[in-house]
Amino acid sequence: MWLFVFFDLPTNTKAERRHAAQFRKALEKDGFTMMQFSVYVRHCASKENLAVHVRRVRKSMPPAGHTSLLSVTDKQYGEILNFWGKAERAAPATPQQLEFF
């Protein structure tokens, strides 16, 4: 599963900018990768793991602004078409799942 975090946070005051920066740092600390400036994505091995990260995101959300979370399956994520300019690029490779013997 993949967890997307989309957000639109106010940055008018110094305190709002600090809250927005702390939120982005919390996402990065939790293993999210920036896809666009206010769009972060993270791979989760299971629905239970996804629920853990949803709780962490909700806990670190700033007091103001709008945040949306979206979960998609590996198959759905694999259907993403990415364009940089006019050239098409393949989606990033799915991380390997850790196996225990």
C-alpha atoms as a PDB file:
ATOM      1  CA  MET A   1       0.000   0.000   0.000  1.00  0.00           C
ATOM      2  CA  TRP A   2       1.045   3.593  -0.581  1.00  0.00           C
ATOM      3  CA  LEU A   3       0.022   6.509   1.610  1.00  0.00           C
ATOM      4  CA  PHE A   4      -0.190   9.971   0.067  1.00  0.00           C
ATOM      5  CA  VAL A   5      -0.340  13.138   2.182  1.00  0.00           C
ATOM      6  CA  PHE A   6      -1.593  16.287   0.460  1.00  0.00           C
ATOM      7  CA  PHE A   7      -1.606  19.545   2.367  1.00  0.00           C
ATOM      8  CA  ASP A   8      -2.236  23.251   1.995  1.00  0.00           C
ATOM      9  CA  LEU A   9      -0.939  25.082   5.041  1.00  0.00           C
ATOM     10  CA  PRO A  10      -1.011  28.805   5.782  1.00  0.00           C
ATOM     11  CA  THR A  11       2.401  30.518   5.837  1.00  0.00           C
ATOM     12  CA  ASN A  12       1.450  34.137   6.490  1.00  0.00           C
ATOM     13  CA  THR A  13       2.997  34.474   9.938  1.00  0.00           C
ATOM     14  CA  LYS A  14       6.271  33.296  11.402  1.00  0.00           C
ATOM     15  CA  ALA A  15       4.424  30.804  13.629  1.00  0.00           C
ATOM     16  CA  GLU A  16       2.510  29.354  10.652  1.00  0.00           C
ATOM     17  CA  ARG A  17       5.731  28.948   8.666  1.00  0.00           C
ATOM     18  CA  ARG A  18       7.314  27.180  11.649  1.00  0.00           C
ATOM     19  CA  HIS A  19       4.320  24.803  11.977  1.00  0.00           C
ATOM     20  CA  ALA A  20       4.457  24.022   8.235  1.00  0.00           C
ATOM     21  CA  ALA A  21       8.213  23.321   8.380  1.00  0.00           C
ATOM     22  CA  GLN A  22       7.791  21.107  11.453  1.00  0.00           C
ATOM     23  CA  PHE A  23       5.046  19.151   9.685  1.00  0.00           C
ATOM     24  CA  ARG A  24       7.222  18.553   6.601  1.00  0.00           C
ATOM     25  CA  LYS A  25      10.140  17.485   8.808  1.00  0.00           C
ATOM     26  CA  ALA A  26       7.867  15.086  10.731  1.00  0.00           C
ATOM     27  CA  LEU A  27       6.747  13.514   7.446  1.00  0.00           C
ATOM     28  CA  GLU A  28      10.349  13.062   6.300  1.00  0.00           C
ATOM     29  CA  LYS A  29      11.339  11.624   9.678  1.00  0.00           C
ATOM     30  CA  ASP A  30       8.493   9.101   9.332  1.00  0.00           C
ATOM     31  CA  GLY A  31       9.846   7.896   5.978  1.00  0.00           C
ATOM     32  CA  PHE A  32       7.771   9.974   3.566  1.00  0.00           C
ATOM     33  CA  THR A  33       9.317  11.217   0.329  1.00  0.00           C
ATOM     34  CA  MET A  34       8.399  14.531  -1.235  1.00  0.00           C
ATOM     35  CA  MET A  35       6.659  13.965  -4.571  1.00  0.00           C
ATOM     36  CA  GLN A  36       5.783  17.643  -5.009  1.00  0.00           C
ATOM     37  CA  PHE A  37       6.153  20.508  -2.556  1.00  0.00           C
ATOM     38  CA  SER A  38       2.934  19.751  -0.657  1.00  0.00           C
ATOM     39  CA  VAL A  39       2.537  16.092  -1.684  1.00  0.00           C
ATOM     40  CA  TYR A  40       4.382  13.366   0.201  1.00  0.00           C
ATOM     41  CA  VAL A  41       4.240   9.606  -0.332  1.00  0.00           C
ATOM     42  CA  ARG A  42       5.301   6.548   1.655  1.00  0.00           C
ATOM     43  CA  HIS A  43       5.192   2.797   1.049  1.00  0.00           C
ATOM     44  CA  CYS A  44       3.488   0.730   3.746  1.00  0.00           C
ATOM     45  CA  ALA A  45       3.838  -3.052   3.897  1.00  0.00           C
ATOM     46  CA  SER A  46       0.301  -3.703   5.197  1.00  0.00           C
ATOM     47  CA  LYS A  47      -2.958  -2.048   6.198  1.00  0.00           C
ATOM     48  CA  GLU A  48      -1.896  -2.250   9.829  1.00  0.00           C
ATOM     49  CA  ASN A  49       1.367  -0.469   9.016  1.00  0.00           C
ATOM     50  CA  LEU A  50      -0.602   2.115   7.028  1.00  0.00           C
ATOM     51  CA  ALA A  51      -2.837   2.755  10.061  1.00  0.00           C
ATOM     52  CA  VAL A  52       0.252   3.426  12.205  1.00  0.00           C
ATOM     53  CA  HIS A  53       1.485   6.079   9.779  1.00  0.00           C
ATOM     54  CA  VAL A  54      -1.969   7.651   9.462  1.00  0.00           C
ATOM     55  CA  ARG A  55      -1.990   8.108  13.263  1.00  0.00           C
ATOM     56  CA  ARG A  56       1.496   9.651  13.158  1.00  0.00           C
ATOM     57  CA  VAL A  57       0.484  12.093  10.416  1.00  0.00           C
ATOM     58  CA  ARG A  58      -2.664  13.108  12.297  1.00  0.00           C
ATOM     59  CA  LYS A  59      -0.627  13.640  15.464  1.00  0.00           C
ATOM     60  CA  SER A  60       1.881  15.922  13.702  1.00  0.00           C
ATOM     61  CA  MET A  61      -0.652  18.029  11.754  1.00  0.00           C
ATOM     62  CA  PRO A  62      -0.481  21.786  12.373  1.00  0.00           C
ATOM     63  CA  PRO A  63      -3.399  23.566  14.048  1.00  0.00           C
ATOM     64  CA  ALA A  64      -4.412  25.370  10.816  1.00  0.00           C
ATOM     65  CA  GLY A  65      -4.598  24.415   7.160  1.00  0.00           C
ATOM     66  CA  HIS A  66      -5.969  21.508   5.163  1.00  0.00           C
ATOM     67  CA  THR A  67      -4.468  18.000   5.060  1.00  0.00           C
ATOM     68  CA  SER A  68      -5.755  15.026   3.053  1.00  0.00           C
ATOM     69  CA  LEU A  69      -4.603  11.405   3.215  1.00  0.00           C
ATOM     70  CA  LEU A  70      -5.078   8.888   0.403  1.00  0.00           C
ATOM     71  CA  SER A  71      -4.102   5.217   0.367  1.00  0.00           C
ATOM     72  CA  VAL A  72      -3.687   3.234  -2.842  1.00  0.00           C
ATOM     73  CA  THR A  73      -2.591  -0.311  -3.603  1.00  0.00           C
ATOM     74  CA  ASP A  74       0.735  -1.185  -5.211  1.00  0.00           C
ATOM     75  CA  LYS A  75      -1.127  -2.000  -8.442  1.00  0.00           C
ATOM     76  CA  GLN A  76      -2.863   1.398  -8.471  1.00  0.00           C
ATOM     77  CA  TYR A  77       0.420   3.173  -7.698  1.00  0.00           C
ATOM     78  CA  GLY A  78       2.064   1.306 -10.559  1.00  0.00           C
ATOM     79  CA  GLU A  79      -0.396   2.926 -12.981  1.00  0.00           C
ATOM     80  CA  ILE A  80       0.969   6.431 -12.318  1.00  0.00           C
ATOM     81  CA  LEU A  81       2.163   8.297 -15.380  1.00  0.00           C
ATOM     82  CA  ASN A  82       4.884  10.826 -14.558  1.00  0.00           C
ATOM     83  CA  PHE A  83       5.851  13.577 -16.983  1.00  0.00           C
ATOM     84  CA  TRP A  84       8.773  15.961 -16.618  1.00  0.00           C
ATOM     85  CA  GLY A  85       8.480  18.363 -19.498  1.00  0.00           C
ATOM     86  CA  LYS A  86       7.432  16.348 -22.552  1.00  0.00           C
ATOM     87  CA  ALA A  87       9.325  13.170 -21.662  1.00  0.00           C
ATOM     88  CA  GLU A  88       7.583  10.313 -19.864  1.00  0.00           C
ATOM     89  CA  ARG A  89       9.388   8.550 -17.013  1.00  0.00           C
ATOM     90  CA  ALA A  90       8.589   5.276 -15.324  1.00  0.00           C
ATOM     91  CA  ALA A  91       7.238   5.242 -11.772  1.00  0.00           C
ATOM     92  CA  PRO A  92       9.824   4.597  -9.030  1.00  0.00           C
ATOM     93  CA  ALA A  93      10.427   0.936  -8.253  1.00  0.00           C
ATOM     94  CA  THR A  94       8.383  -0.610  -5.455  1.00  0.00           C
ATOM     95  CA  PRO A  95      10.539  -1.212  -2.373  1.00  0.00           C
ATOM     96  CA  GLN A  96      11.312  -4.832  -1.602  1.00  0.00           C
ATOM     97  CA  GLN A  97       9.418  -6.295   1.314  1.00  0.00           C
ATOM     98  CA  LEU A  98      11.530  -7.627   4.154  1.00  0.00           C
ATOM     99  CA  GLU A  99      11.339 -11.405   4.456  1.00  0.00           C
ATOM    100  CA  PHE A 100      12.005 -13.484   7.557  1.00  0.00           C
ATOM    101  CA  PHE A 101      12.883 -17.158   7.261  1.00  0.00           C
END
